[in-house]
Amino acid sequence: MSFSGDVKEELSRQVANARHCNIAEIAAIISLCGKVTLNYDKNDYKIIISTENTTIARKYFTLVKKTFNINTEVLIRRNAYLRRNRSYILKIQGKEKVTKILTTEKMIDDNGEFLNDNLANGLIIQKSCCRRAFLRGAFLAAGSISDPEKFYHFEIVCPTLEKAKGLVNIITGFGVEAKIVPRKKNHVVYVKEGAVIVELLNIMEAHISLMNLENIRIVKEMRNSVNRKVNCETANINKTVSAAVRQIDAIKFIQAKKGLDSLPANLEEIAILRLENPEVALKELGQMLNPPVGKSGVNHRLRKIIEIADELR
């Protein structure tokens, strides 16, 4: 199972004891992936949830049963042409049942019209625990998380810009920044920082997934730290080798042009040592001198030799 699937599996098994939290979670599912039909003339009242995810189907069925004592009809469909997972159609039908749910969820106005543009009534998500439950429902209904081993990306797909803005407001209320991007006919609320995704998992109370993500982040950060250190050391080695090659080239040029004995005694001494020890670091080279000289002193002498060689060229 994918990491996103693991998170949904964990969230699907969480059913709050408080009825108001379950109402908030149901509101999110209906708002983001539900289809509501209220046809008074034909006496046609339906709430339909369509999903390919077993965990969402199970959670919605459980929530509605516990909260409203209403059994949801479950239809299973298979695509004969495409090898996909089965899809689930969860249907609640009948004026009394549908009206009871939508009234409790505050999704119909005084005239009995469905409030399709609203993400959620403010009274439904008034409490912090209810906002957490709402985010759980929103993620179950329309959310996903990328494989954190590859990159960090959390998103919830909303059918309208208004609902996306409403969702961002809920997330922002927890001190977390989320952004919106249009995608085809939908609007996607997303975050791309690993630390922020950890915080969102904490808000939704997906604690097992949170720990798994934190472990992955720690390993990735350690790996990146090691890579940076290796790259830095490699760069330093390359820099040292390049400098040594340039120094030896200058010394050999002077040797061929005028002889090393043409150099001042201190420069001749370091020049001979460098030729004899081409791979030795400056600090070690300085310790071979008599008396010993520090790294900066050795570097100064070798730079002077390079300057002399450049003047002779």
Protein backbone atom coordinates (compact mmCIF):
# COMPACT_ATOMS: atom_id res chain seq x y z
CA MET A 1 0.00 0.00 0.00
CA SER A 2 1.20 3.54 -0.75
CA PHE A 3 2.00 6.04 1.99
CA SER A 4 -1.16 7.95 1.09
CA GLY A 5 -3.13 4.71 1.38
CA ASP A 6 -1.57 4.03 4.78
CA VAL A 7 -2.65 7.46 6.03
CA LYS A 8 -6.22 6.93 4.80
CA GLU A 9 -6.31 3.47 6.34
CA GLU A 10 -5.28 4.94 9.69
CA LEU A 11 -7.81 7.78 9.47
CA SER A 12 -10.60 5.44 8.37
CA ARG A 13 -10.30 3.54 11.65
CA GLN A 14 -10.69 6.66 13.77
CA VAL A 15 -14.27 7.31 14.80
CA ALA A 16 -14.72 10.11 17.31
CA ASN A 17 -16.80 9.60 20.43
CA ALA A 18 -18.31 13.08 20.10
CA ARG A 19 -21.27 13.26 17.73
CA HIS A 20 -20.47 16.83 16.67
CA CYS A 21 -17.05 15.70 15.37
CA ASN A 22 -18.62 12.91 13.33
CA ILE A 23 -21.10 15.41 11.89
CA ALA A 24 -18.16 17.61 10.81
CA GLU A 25 -16.36 14.68 9.17
CA ILE A 26 -19.50 13.65 7.26
CA ALA A 27 -19.94 17.26 6.12
CA ALA A 28 -16.45 17.23 4.57
CA ILE A 29 -17.08 13.97 2.71
CA ILE A 30 -20.43 15.13 1.30
CA SER A 31 -19.07 18.58 0.41
CA LEU A 32 -16.01 17.33 -1.49
CA CYS A 33 -17.11 14.09 -3.12
CA GLY A 34 -20.87 13.89 -2.64
CA LYS A 35 -23.72 14.33 -5.06
CA VAL A 36 -27.01 15.55 -3.59
CA THR A 37 -30.36 15.35 -5.37
CA LEU A 38 -33.39 17.20 -4.01
CA ASN A 39 -36.24 16.92 -6.51
CA TYR A 40 -39.45 17.85 -4.74
CA ASP A 41 -41.67 17.35 -7.79
CA LYS A 42 -40.52 13.77 -8.31
CA ASN A 43 -40.04 13.10 -4.61
CA ASP A 44 -36.44 12.18 -5.41
CA TYR A 45 -34.07 12.69 -2.48
CA LYS A 46 -30.58 11.20 -2.64
CA ILE A 47 -27.09 11.58 -1.23
CA ILE A 48 -24.52 9.65 -3.26
CA ILE A 49 -20.84 9.18 -2.49
CA SER A 50 -18.68 7.59 -5.19
CA THR A 51 -15.21 6.26 -4.41
CA GLU A 52 -12.70 3.62 -5.47
CA ASN A 53 -11.26 3.52 -1.97
CA THR A 54 -12.54 0.84 0.39
CA THR A 55 -11.40 2.77 3.44
CA ILE A 56 -13.51 5.81 2.53
CA ALA A 57 -16.56 3.65 1.87
CA ARG A 58 -16.14 1.89 5.20
CA LYS A 59 -15.59 5.12 7.14
CA TYR A 60 -18.60 6.92 5.59
CA PHE A 61 -20.87 3.92 6.20
CA THR A 62 -19.72 3.75 9.85
CA LEU A 63 -20.08 7.48 10.47
CA VAL A 64 -23.61 7.68 9.06
CA LYS A 65 -24.70 4.61 11.00
CA LYS A 66 -23.26 5.84 14.29
CA THR A 67 -24.34 9.47 13.90
CA PHE A 68 -27.81 9.10 12.36
CA ASN A 69 -28.60 5.40 12.83
CA ILE A 70 -29.14 5.21 9.07
CA ASN A 71 -27.93 2.33 6.94
CA THR A 72 -26.21 3.33 3.73
CA GLU A 73 -26.87 1.30 0.60
CA VAL A 74 -23.58 0.13 -0.91
CA LEU A 75 -23.27 -0.76 -4.60
CA ILE A 76 -20.09 -2.27 -6.02
CA ARG A 77 -19.19 -1.73 -9.66
CA ARG A 78 -16.45 -3.27 -11.76
CA ASN A 79 -15.17 -1.89 -15.04
CA ALA A 80 -15.26 -4.67 -17.61
CA TYR A 81 -12.94 -2.79 -20.01
CA LEU A 82 -10.37 -1.26 -17.69
CA ARG A 83 -8.47 -3.27 -15.14
CA ARG A 84 -9.13 -0.98 -12.26
CA ASN A 85 -10.12 -1.53 -8.68
CA ARG A 86 -13.80 -1.85 -8.03
CA SER A 87 -15.71 1.35 -7.32
CA TYR A 88 -18.21 1.87 -4.52
CA ILE A 89 -21.45 3.80 -4.75
CA LEU A 90 -22.84 4.70 -1.32
CA LYS A 91 -26.43 5.83 -1.51
CA ILE A 92 -28.84 7.26 1.03
CA GLN A 93 -32.32 7.63 -0.41
CA GLY A 94 -35.66 8.94 0.83
CA LYS A 95 -36.93 12.33 1.92
CA GLU A 96 -36.88 11.66 5.64
CA LYS A 97 -33.35 10.24 5.75
CA VAL A 98 -31.81 12.77 3.37
CA THR A 99 -33.51 15.75 4.99
CA LYS A 100 -32.46 14.58 8.44
CA ILE A 101 -28.81 14.37 7.42
CA LEU A 102 -28.67 17.60 5.41
CA THR A 103 -30.51 19.55 8.11
CA THR A 104 -28.12 18.32 10.78
CA GLU A 105 -25.17 19.09 8.51
CA LYS A 106 -26.69 22.54 7.87
CA MET A 107 -26.45 21.98 4.13
CA ILE A 108 -29.96 23.17 3.25
CA ASP A 109 -31.44 26.63 3.68
CA ASP A 110 -34.82 27.64 5.08
CA ASN A 111 -36.41 26.93 1.70
CA GLY A 112 -35.02 23.41 1.62
CA GLU A 113 -32.47 24.21 -1.10
CA PHE A 114 -29.09 22.49 -1.04
CA LEU A 115 -26.21 24.87 -0.26
CA ASN A 116 -23.83 23.49 -2.85
CA ASP A 117 -21.34 26.38 -2.85
CA ASN A 118 -20.60 26.21 0.87
CA LEU A 119 -17.72 24.10 2.14
CA ALA A 120 -19.23 23.90 5.61
CA ASN A 121 -21.47 25.90 7.89
CA GLY A 122 -19.48 27.74 10.55
CA LEU A 123 -21.47 26.12 13.34
CA ILE A 124 -20.41 22.65 12.15
CA ILE A 125 -16.71 23.47 12.51
CA GLN A 126 -16.94 25.85 15.44
CA LYS A 127 -14.81 23.71 17.75
CA SER A 128 -11.16 22.86 17.17
CA CYS A 129 -11.88 19.12 17.47
CA CYS A 130 -14.55 19.46 14.77
CA ARG A 131 -12.16 21.26 12.44
CA ARG A 132 -9.69 18.42 12.91
CA ALA A 133 -12.44 15.92 12.10
CA PHE A 134 -13.44 17.98 9.06
CA LEU A 135 -9.87 17.88 7.73
CA ARG A 136 -9.82 14.12 8.25
CA GLY A 137 -12.98 13.80 6.19
CA ALA A 138 -11.67 16.17 3.53
CA PHE A 139 -8.45 14.20 3.15
CA LEU A 140 -10.29 10.88 3.04
CA ALA A 141 -12.70 12.21 0.43
CA ALA A 142 -10.35 14.08 -1.90
CA GLY A 143 -6.80 14.06 -0.55
CA SER A 144 -3.49 12.39 -1.26
CA ILE A 145 0.15 12.45 -0.14
CA SER A 146 3.10 11.63 -2.38
CA ASP A 147 5.68 9.00 -1.49
CA PRO A 148 7.90 10.93 0.98
CA GLU A 149 10.91 8.86 -0.10
CA LYS A 150 10.74 10.72 -3.42
CA PHE A 151 9.34 14.18 -2.61
CA TYR A 152 6.92 15.97 -0.29
CA HIS A 153 3.45 16.86 -1.56
CA PHE A 154 0.10 16.95 0.25
CA GLU A 155 -3.09 17.94 -1.52
CA ILE A 156 -6.88 18.01 -1.26
CA VAL A 157 -8.88 18.52 -4.46
CA CYS A 158 -11.87 20.87 -4.21
CA PRO A 159 -14.60 21.21 -6.87
CA THR A 160 -14.77 25.02 -6.58
CA LEU A 161 -12.48 27.91 -5.71
CA GLU A 162 -14.82 28.94 -2.89
CA LYS A 163 -14.50 25.55 -1.23
CA ALA A 164 -10.72 25.61 -1.70
CA LYS A 165 -10.53 29.01 0.01
CA GLY A 166 -12.71 27.73 2.84
CA LEU A 167 -10.42 24.75 3.32
CA VAL A 168 -7.33 26.98 3.35
CA ASN A 169 -8.98 29.10 6.06
CA ILE A 170 -9.52 26.01 8.22
CA ILE A 171 -5.91 24.90 7.74
CA THR A 172 -4.58 28.42 8.37
CA GLY A 173 -6.52 28.45 11.64
CA PHE A 174 -4.08 25.81 12.90
CA GLY A 175 -1.10 28.00 12.01
CA VAL A 176 -0.29 26.10 8.82
CA GLU A 177 0.15 27.78 5.43
CA ALA A 178 -1.44 26.14 2.39
CA LYS A 179 -1.74 27.30 -1.22
CA ILE A 180 -4.28 26.88 -4.02
CA VAL A 181 -3.61 25.96 -7.64
CA PRO A 182 -6.20 25.38 -10.41
CA ARG A 183 -6.21 21.94 -12.02
CA LYS A 184 -8.62 21.35 -14.89
CA LYS A 185 -12.10 22.08 -13.46
CA ASN A 186 -10.98 21.78 -9.85
CA HIS A 187 -8.91 23.77 -7.37
CA VAL A 188 -6.23 22.01 -5.36
CA VAL A 189 -5.20 22.97 -1.83
CA TYR A 190 -1.60 21.85 -1.33
CA VAL A 191 1.60 22.06 0.71
CA LYS A 192 5.07 20.90 -0.33
CA GLU A 193 7.18 21.17 2.82
CA GLY A 194 7.86 18.00 4.80
CA ALA A 195 7.60 19.75 8.17
CA VAL A 196 4.22 21.25 7.23
CA ILE A 197 2.89 17.86 6.12
CA VAL A 198 3.98 16.45 9.49
CA GLU A 199 1.96 19.21 11.17
CA LEU A 200 -1.10 18.41 9.03
CA LEU A 201 -0.87 14.73 9.97
CA ASN A 202 -0.74 15.83 13.59
CA ILE A 203 -3.82 18.02 13.12
CA MET A 204 -5.71 15.11 11.56
CA GLU A 205 -4.41 12.89 14.40
CA ALA A 206 -2.73 10.40 12.07
CA HIS A 207 0.00 9.76 14.64
CA ILE A 208 1.35 6.47 13.26
CA SER A 209 1.75 7.98 9.78
CA LEU A 210 3.30 11.06 11.37
CA MET A 211 6.00 8.95 13.04
CA ASN A 212 6.64 7.03 9.83
CA LEU A 213 7.05 10.29 7.91
CA GLU A 214 9.34 11.72 10.58
CA ASN A 215 11.55 8.62 10.37
CA ILE A 216 11.76 9.00 6.59
CA ARG A 217 12.58 12.71 6.95
CA ILE A 218 15.37 11.98 9.46
CA VAL A 219 16.96 9.38 7.19
CA LYS A 220 16.69 11.70 4.16
CA GLU A 221 18.20 14.62 6.07
CA MET A 222 21.07 12.43 7.31
CA ARG A 223 21.66 11.15 3.79
CA ASN A 224 21.61 14.69 2.39
CA SER A 225 23.96 15.86 5.13
CA VAL A 226 26.43 13.08 4.33
CA ASN A 227 26.19 13.86 0.61
CA ARG A 228 26.83 17.55 1.26
CA LYS A 229 29.84 16.70 3.42
CA VAL A 230 31.24 14.32 0.81
CA ASN A 231 30.70 16.89 -1.94
CA CYS A 232 32.39 19.56 0.16
CA GLU A 233 35.36 17.30 0.92
CA THR A 234 35.61 16.29 -2.74
CA ALA A 235 35.60 19.95 -3.76
CA ASN A 236 38.33 20.71 -1.22
CA ILE A 237 40.43 17.78 -2.48
CA ASN A 238 40.01 18.94 -6.07
CA LYS A 239 40.97 22.45 -5.05
CA THR A 240 44.06 21.17 -3.19
CA VAL A 241 45.13 18.96 -6.10
CA SER A 242 44.68 21.80 -8.59
CA ALA A 243 46.77 24.11 -6.40
CA ALA A 244 49.51 21.48 -6.02
CA VAL A 245 49.63 20.90 -9.78
CA ARG A 246 49.96 24.63 -10.38
CA GLN A 247 52.71 24.91 -7.75
CA ILE A 248 54.72 22.00 -9.21
CA ASP A 249 54.28 23.37 -12.72
CA ALA A 250 55.67 26.74 -11.61
CA ILE A 251 58.60 25.11 -9.77
CA LYS A 252 59.55 22.95 -12.77
CA PHE A 253 59.30 25.97 -15.07
CA ILE A 254 61.71 27.97 -12.88
CA GLN A 255 63.97 24.92 -12.60
CA ALA A 256 64.17 24.62 -16.38
CA LYS A 257 64.44 28.36 -17.00
CA LYS A 258 66.92 29.55 -14.36
CA GLY A 259 67.42 26.75 -11.87
CA LEU A 260 66.00 26.53 -8.36
CA ASP A 261 69.22 27.94 -6.92
CA SER A 262 68.17 31.26 -8.45
CA LEU A 263 65.44 31.47 -5.83
CA PRO A 264 65.91 32.89 -2.33
CA ALA A 265 66.93 30.18 0.14
CA ASN A 266 63.51 29.94 1.82
CA LEU A 267 61.75 29.59 -1.53
CA GLU A 268 64.29 27.09 -2.87
CA GLU A 269 63.82 24.94 0.24
CA ILE A 270 60.02 24.79 -0.10
CA ALA A 271 60.29 24.27 -3.88
CA ILE A 272 62.49 21.18 -3.45
CA LEU A 273 60.19 19.78 -0.74
CA ARG A 274 57.14 20.30 -2.95
CA LEU A 275 58.76 18.44 -5.86
CA GLU A 276 59.70 15.57 -3.56
CA ASN A 277 56.24 15.50 -1.89
CA PRO A 278 53.66 16.46 -4.54
CA GLU A 279 50.66 14.99 -2.62
CA VAL A 280 51.47 16.31 0.85
CA ALA A 281 49.17 18.95 2.39
CA LEU A 282 50.53 22.43 3.13
CA LYS A 283 50.45 21.87 6.89
CA GLU A 284 52.55 18.69 6.64
CA LEU A 285 54.86 20.36 4.15
CA GLY A 286 55.50 23.16 6.63
CA GLN A 287 56.43 20.67 9.36
CA MET A 288 59.19 19.29 7.10
CA LEU A 289 60.95 22.65 7.05
CA ASN A 290 63.68 23.57 9.47
CA PRO A 291 62.52 25.44 11.41
CA PRO A 292 58.87 24.37 10.83
CA VAL A 293 56.52 26.89 9.21
CA GLY A 294 52.73 27.12 9.53
CA LYS A 295 50.24 26.44 6.74
CA SER A 296 49.79 30.13 5.88
CA GLY A 297 53.57 30.61 5.70
CA VAL A 298 53.96 27.68 3.30
CA ASN A 299 51.08 28.98 1.19
CA HIS A 300 52.69 32.43 1.05
CA ARG A 301 56.02 31.01 -0.18
CA LEU A 302 54.40 28.84 -2.85
CA ARG A 303 52.31 31.79 -4.09
CA LYS A 304 55.54 33.79 -4.36
CA ILE A 305 57.09 31.01 -6.47
CA ILE A 306 54.05 31.05 -8.79
CA GLU A 307 54.38 34.84 -9.16
CA ILE A 308 58.06 34.48 -10.10
CA ALA A 309 57.20 31.80 -12.66
CA ASP A 310 54.48 34.02 -14.15
CA GLU A 311 56.99 36.87 -14.51
CA LEU A 312 59.41 34.57 -16.36
CA ARG A 313 56.83 33.26 -18.82
